[in-house]
């Protein structure tokens, strides 16, 4: 799985095909210096193993 991030670090596109991510960047005219393509397959295992989701937390929007 590949993720395409813009230069601000925002995930813009995710796909299992690297070429599809590059095509997305070309479609939206993101130059190669304006995005980062990361292989998420290896990173996902680390994140899932160390992440605890607490659904009991409430958010206060005040």
PDB file of N, CA and C in Angstrom:
ATOM      1  N   UNK A   1       0.850  -1.167   0.000  1.00  0.00           N
ATOM      2  CA  UNK A   1       0.000   0.000   0.000  1.00  0.00           C
ATOM      3  C   UNK A   1       0.895   1.230   0.000  1.00  0.00           C
ATOM      4  N   UNK A   2       0.568   2.194  -0.838  1.00  0.00           N
ATOM      5  CA  UNK A   2       1.353   3.418  -0.958  1.00  0.00           C
ATOM      6  C   UNK A   2       0.497   4.622  -0.588  1.00  0.00           C
ATOM      7  N   UNK A   3       1.113   5.584   0.049  1.00  0.00           N
ATOM      8  CA  UNK A   3       0.447   6.830   0.385  1.00  0.00           C
ATOM      9  C   UNK A   3       1.173   7.998  -0.246  1.00  0.00           C
ATOM     10  N   UNK A   4       0.421   8.910  -0.805  1.00  0.00           N
ATOM     11  CA  UNK A   4       0.991  10.100  -1.410  1.00  0.00           C
ATOM     12  C   UNK A   4       0.667  11.281  -0.508  1.00  0.00           C
ATOM     13  N   UNK A   5       1.704  11.915   0.019  1.00  0.00           N
ATOM     14  CA  UNK A   5       1.558  13.048   0.926  1.00  0.00           C
ATOM     15  C   UNK A   5       1.998  14.318   0.213  1.00  0.00           C
ATOM     16  N   UNK A   6       1.304  15.417   0.469  1.00  0.00           N
ATOM     17  CA  UNK A   6       1.741  16.680  -0.111  1.00  0.00           C
ATOM     18  C   UNK A   6       2.871  17.254   0.733  1.00  0.00           C
ATOM     19  N   UNK A   7       3.411  18.403   0.322  1.00  0.00           N
ATOM     20  CA  UNK A   7       4.572  18.965   1.006  1.00  0.00           C
ATOM     21  C   UNK A   7       4.256  19.449   2.421  1.00  0.00           C
ATOM     22  N   UNK A   8       2.977  19.555   2.750  1.00  0.00           N
ATOM     23  CA  UNK A   8       2.573  19.940   4.103  1.00  0.00           C
ATOM     24  C   UNK A   8       2.345  18.723   4.994  1.00  0.00           C
ATOM     25  N   UNK A   9       2.522  17.531   4.442  1.00  0.00           N
ATOM     26  CA  UNK A   9       2.383  16.305   5.219  1.00  0.00           C
ATOM     27  C   UNK A   9       0.974  15.749   5.271  1.00  0.00           C
ATOM     28  N   UNK A  10       0.100  16.237   4.422  1.00  0.00           N
ATOM     29  CA  UNK A  10      -1.289  15.779   4.398  1.00  0.00           C
ATOM     30  C   UNK A  10      -1.417  14.622   3.408  1.00  0.00           C
ATOM     31  N   UNK A  11      -2.019  13.532   3.852  1.00  0.00           N
ATOM     32  CA  UNK A  11      -2.253  12.385   2.989  1.00  0.00           C
ATOM     33  C   UNK A  11      -3.268  12.770   1.927  1.00  0.00           C
ATOM     34  N   UNK A  12      -2.860  12.690   0.665  1.00  0.00           N
ATOM     35  CA  UNK A  12      -3.723  13.093  -0.441  1.00  0.00           C
ATOM     36  C   UNK A  12      -4.338  11.905  -1.168  1.00  0.00           C
ATOM     37  N   UNK A  13      -3.623  10.761  -1.190  1.00  0.00           N
ATOM     38  CA  UNK A  13      -4.090   9.614  -1.965  1.00  0.00           C
ATOM     39  C   UNK A  13      -3.437   8.356  -1.428  1.00  0.00           C
ATOM     40  N   UNK A  14      -4.172   7.236  -1.455  1.00  0.00           N
ATOM     41  CA  UNK A  14      -3.647   5.954  -1.015  1.00  0.00           C
ATOM     42  C   UNK A  14      -4.119   4.882  -1.987  1.00  0.00           C
ATOM     43  N   UNK A  15      -3.213   3.976  -2.357  1.00  0.00           N
ATOM     44  CA  UNK A  15      -3.549   2.919  -3.305  1.00  0.00           C
ATOM     45  C   UNK A  15      -2.500   1.817  -3.191  1.00  0.00           C
ATOM     46  N   UNK A  16      -2.865   0.631  -3.603  1.00  0.00           N
ATOM     47  CA  UNK A  16      -1.910  -0.472  -3.588  1.00  0.00           C
ATOM     48  C   UNK A  16      -0.969  -0.432  -4.785  1.00  0.00           C
ATOM     49  N   UNK A  17      -1.273   0.409  -5.756  1.00  0.00           N
ATOM     50  CA  UNK A  17      -0.471   0.524  -6.969  1.00  0.00           C
ATOM     51  C   UNK A  17       0.330   1.827  -6.939  1.00  0.00           C
ATOM     52  N   UNK A  18       1.646   1.692  -6.958  1.00  0.00           N
ATOM     53  CA  UNK A  18       2.531   2.856  -6.920  1.00  0.00           C
ATOM     54  C   UNK A  18       2.278   3.780  -8.113  1.00  0.00           C
ATOM     55  N   UNK A  19       2.068   3.195  -9.290  1.00  0.00           N
ATOM     56  CA  UNK A  19       1.837   3.996 -10.486  1.00  0.00           C
ATOM     57  C   UNK A  19       0.545   4.806 -10.397  1.00  0.00           C
ATOM     58  N   UNK A  20      -0.453   4.291  -9.708  1.00  0.00           N
ATOM     59  CA  UNK A  20      -1.709   5.028  -9.533  1.00  0.00           C
ATOM     60  C   UNK A  20      -1.475   6.276  -8.676  1.00  0.00           C
ATOM     61  N   UNK A  21      -0.621   6.162  -7.683  1.00  0.00           N
ATOM     62  CA  UNK A  21      -0.298   7.318  -6.848  1.00  0.00           C
ATOM     63  C   UNK A  21       0.428   8.384  -7.665  1.00  0.00           C
ATOM     64  N   UNK A  22       1.348   7.952  -8.490  1.00  0.00           N
ATOM     65  CA  UNK A  22       2.082   8.887  -9.331  1.00  0.00           C
ATOM     66  C   UNK A  22       1.142   9.535 -10.356  1.00  0.00           C
ATOM     67  N   UNK A  23       0.211   8.757 -10.893  1.00  0.00           N
ATOM     68  CA  UNK A  23      -0.774   9.302 -11.829  1.00  0.00           C
ATOM     69  C   UNK A  23      -1.646  10.348 -11.144  1.00  0.00           C
ATOM     70  N   UNK A  24      -1.988  10.124  -9.886  1.00  0.00           N
ATOM     71  CA  UNK A  24      -2.765  11.112  -9.116  1.00  0.00           C
ATOM     72  C   UNK A  24      -1.985  12.420  -9.009  1.00  0.00           C
ATOM     73  N   UNK A  25      -0.704  12.307  -8.685  1.00  0.00           N
ATOM     74  CA  UNK A  25       0.136  13.499  -8.559  1.00  0.00           C
ATOM     75  C   UNK A  25       0.199  14.253  -9.882  1.00  0.00           C
ATOM     76  N   UNK A  26       0.322  13.528 -10.977  1.00  0.00           N
ATOM     77  CA  UNK A  26       0.366  14.162 -12.293  1.00  0.00           C
ATOM     78  C   UNK A  26      -0.969  14.806 -12.644  1.00  0.00           C
ATOM     79  N   UNK A  27      -2.070  14.142 -12.287  1.00  0.00           N
ATOM     80  CA  UNK A  27      -3.399  14.680 -12.568  1.00  0.00           C
ATOM     81  C   UNK A  27      -3.605  16.031 -11.899  1.00  0.00           C
ATOM     82  N   UNK A  28      -3.143  16.151 -10.662  1.00  0.00           N
ATOM     83  CA  UNK A  28      -3.315  17.401  -9.923  1.00  0.00           C
ATOM     84  C   UNK A  28      -2.081  18.294 -10.005  1.00  0.00           C
ATOM     85  N   UNK A  29      -1.215  17.978 -10.963  1.00  0.00           N
ATOM     86  CA  UNK A  29      -0.037  18.783 -11.267  1.00  0.00           C
ATOM     87  C   UNK A  29       0.839  19.035 -10.048  1.00  0.00           C
ATOM     88  N   UNK A  30       1.031  17.989  -9.252  1.00  0.00           N
ATOM     89  CA  UNK A  30       1.959  18.067  -8.132  1.00  0.00           C
ATOM     90  C   UNK A  30       3.341  17.680  -8.647  1.00  0.00           C
ATOM     91  N   UNK A  31       4.264  18.592  -8.626  1.00  0.00           N
ATOM     92  CA  UNK A  31       5.616  18.290  -9.064  1.00  0.00           C
ATOM     93  C   UNK A  31       6.293  17.335  -8.089  1.00  0.00           C
ATOM     94  N   UNK A  32       7.330  16.666  -8.544  1.00  0.00           N
ATOM     95  CA  UNK A  32       8.000  15.666  -7.700  1.00  0.00           C
ATOM     96  C   UNK A  32       8.600  16.278  -6.433  1.00  0.00           C
ATOM     97  N   UNK A  33       8.813  17.584  -6.417  1.00  0.00           N
ATOM     98  CA  UNK A  33       9.315  18.234  -5.209  1.00  0.00           C
ATOM     99  C   UNK A  33       8.186  18.646  -4.267  1.00  0.00           C
ATOM    100  N   UNK A  34       6.930  18.436  -4.691  1.00  0.00           N
ATOM    101  CA  UNK A  34       5.779  18.842  -3.883  1.00  0.00           C
ATOM    102  C   UNK A  34       5.026  17.680  -3.264  1.00  0.00           C
ATOM    103  N   UNK A  35       5.541  16.466  -3.406  1.00  0.00           N
ATOM    104  CA  UNK A  35       4.886  15.329  -2.774  1.00  0.00           C
ATOM    105  C   UNK A  35       5.909  14.285  -2.343  1.00  0.00           C
ATOM    106  N   UNK A  36       5.452  13.408  -1.475  1.00  0.00           N
ATOM    107  CA  UNK A  36       6.274  12.310  -0.974  1.00  0.00           C
ATOM    108  C   UNK A  36       5.462  11.034  -1.122  1.00  0.00           C
ATOM    109  N   UNK A  37       6.054  10.017  -1.713  1.00  0.00           N
ATOM    110  CA  UNK A  37       5.391   8.729  -1.898  1.00  0.00           C
ATOM    111  C   UNK A  37       5.992   7.753  -0.897  1.00  0.00           C
ATOM    112  N   UNK A  38       5.151   7.186  -0.028  1.00  0.00           N
ATOM    113  CA  UNK A  38       5.643   6.289   1.016  1.00  0.00           C
ATOM    114  C   UNK A  38       5.004   4.915   0.903  1.00  0.00           C
ATOM    115  N   UNK A  39       5.802   3.896   1.142  1.00  0.00           N
ATOM    116  CA  UNK A  39       5.312   2.524   1.206  1.00  0.00           C
ATOM    117  C   UNK A  39       4.723   2.325   2.596  1.00  0.00           C
ATOM    118  N   UNK A  40       3.407   2.174   2.680  1.00  0.00           N
ATOM    119  CA  UNK A  40       2.730   2.080   3.971  1.00  0.00           C
ATOM    120  C   UNK A  40       2.616   0.663   4.498  1.00  0.00           C
ATOM    121  N   UNK A  41       2.908  -0.335   3.706  1.00  0.00           N
ATOM    122  CA  UNK A  41       2.733  -1.728   4.120  1.00  0.00           C
ATOM    123  C   UNK A  41       3.562  -2.047   5.352  1.00  0.00           C
ATOM    124  N   UNK A  42       4.805  -1.634   5.378  1.00  0.00           N
ATOM    125  CA  UNK A  42       5.656  -1.912   6.525  1.00  0.00           C
ATOM    126  C   UNK A  42       5.314  -1.048   7.720  1.00  0.00           C
ATOM    127  N   UNK A  43       4.960   0.215   7.488  1.00  0.00           N
ATOM    128  CA  UNK A  43       4.628   1.125   8.568  1.00  0.00           C
ATOM    129  C   UNK A  43       3.310   0.754   9.241  1.00  0.00           C
ATOM    130  N   UNK A  44       2.365   0.189   8.504  1.00  0.00           N
ATOM    131  CA  UNK A  44       1.051  -0.134   9.051  1.00  0.00           C
ATOM    132  C   UNK A  44       1.152  -1.142  10.183  1.00  0.00           C
ATOM    133  N   UNK A  45       1.995  -2.136  10.045  1.00  0.00           N
ATOM    134  CA  UNK A  45       2.147  -3.154  11.084  1.00  0.00           C
ATOM    135  C   UNK A  45       2.640  -2.534  12.383  1.00  0.00           C
ATOM    136  N   UNK A  46       3.574  -1.613  12.294  1.00  0.00           N
ATOM    137  CA  UNK A  46       4.108  -0.960  13.484  1.00  0.00           C
ATOM    138  C   UNK A  46       3.037  -0.122  14.166  1.00  0.00           C
ATOM    139  N   UNK A  47       2.280   0.631  13.378  1.00  0.00           N
ATOM    140  CA  UNK A  47       1.256   1.502  13.940  1.00  0.00           C
ATOM    141  C   UNK A  47       0.155   0.680  14.589  1.00  0.00           C
ATOM    142  N   UNK A  48      -0.304  -0.375  13.915  1.00  0.00           N
ATOM    143  CA  UNK A  48      -1.385  -1.178  14.449  1.00  0.00           C
ATOM    144  C   UNK A  48      -0.961  -1.893  15.722  1.00  0.00           C
ATOM    145  N   UNK A  49       0.283  -2.294  15.825  1.00  0.00           N
ATOM    146  CA  UNK A  49       0.757  -3.010  17.002  1.00  0.00           C
ATOM    147  C   UNK A  49       0.918  -2.122  18.213  1.00  0.00           C
ATOM    148  N   UNK A  50       1.118  -0.828  18.017  1.00  0.00           N
ATOM    149  CA  UNK A  50       1.378   0.079  19.128  1.00  0.00           C
ATOM    150  C   UNK A  50       0.255   1.069  19.384  1.00  0.00           C
ATOM    151  N   UNK A  51      -0.863   0.937  18.697  1.00  0.00           N
ATOM    152  CA  UNK A  51      -1.947   1.899  18.816  1.00  0.00           C
ATOM    153  C   UNK A  51      -3.060   1.341  19.702  1.00  0.00           C
ATOM    154  N   UNK A  52      -3.473   2.154  20.658  1.00  0.00           N
ATOM    155  CA  UNK A  52      -4.605   1.798  21.514  1.00  0.00           C
ATOM    156  C   UNK A  52      -5.689   2.829  21.263  1.00  0.00           C
ATOM    157  N   UNK A  53      -6.843   2.367  20.815  1.00  0.00           N
ATOM    158  CA  UNK A  53      -7.949   3.272  20.536  1.00  0.00           C
ATOM    159  C   UNK A  53      -8.907   3.266  21.718  1.00  0.00           C
ATOM    160  N   UNK A  54      -9.035   4.393  22.358  1.00  0.00           N
ATOM    161  CA  UNK A  54      -9.948   4.529  23.494  1.00  0.00           C
ATOM    162  C   UNK A  54     -11.184   5.264  23.022  1.00  0.00           C
ATOM    163  N   UNK A  55     -12.267   4.534  22.807  1.00  0.00           N
ATOM    164  CA  UNK A  55     -13.487   5.138  22.296  1.00  0.00           C
ATOM    165  C   UNK A  55     -14.302   5.815  23.372  1.00  0.00           C
ATOM    166  N   UNK A  56     -13.849   5.733  24.616  1.00  0.00           N
ATOM    167  CA  UNK A  56     -14.606   6.358  25.703  1.00  0.00           C
ATOM    168  C   UNK A  56     -14.215   7.832  25.878  1.00  0.00           C
ATOM    169  N   UNK A  57     -13.195   8.295  25.175  1.00  0.00           N
ATOM    170  CA  UNK A  57     -12.787   9.692  25.303  1.00  0.00           C
ATOM    171  C   UNK A  57     -13.802  10.597  24.624  1.00  0.00           C
ATOM    172  N   UNK A  58     -14.117  11.703  25.275  1.00  0.00           N
ATOM    173  CA  UNK A  58     -15.051  12.664  24.717  1.00  0.00           C
ATOM    174  C   UNK A  58     -14.286  13.882  24.238  1.00  0.00           C
ATOM    175  N   UNK A  59     -14.832  14.541  23.240  1.00  0.00           N
ATOM    176  CA  UNK A  59     -14.206  15.742  22.706  1.00  0.00           C
ATOM    177  C   UNK A  59     -15.062  16.934  23.093  1.00  0.00           C
ATOM    178  N   UNK A  60     -14.408  17.977  23.593  1.00  0.00           N
ATOM    179  CA  UNK A  60     -15.104  19.197  23.957  1.00  0.00           C
ATOM    180  C   UNK A  60     -14.799  20.246  22.899  1.00  0.00           C
ATOM    181  N   UNK A  61     -15.801  20.704  22.192  1.00  0.00           N
ATOM    182  CA  UNK A  61     -15.625  21.658  21.095  1.00  0.00           C
ATOM    183  C   UNK A  61     -15.800  23.109  21.534  1.00  0.00           C
ATOM    184  N   UNK A  62     -15.686  23.399  22.817  1.00  0.00           N
ATOM    185  CA  UNK A  62     -15.866  24.770  23.298  1.00  0.00           C
ATOM    186  C   UNK A  62     -14.681  25.614  22.966  1.00  0.00           C
TER     187      UNK A  62
END
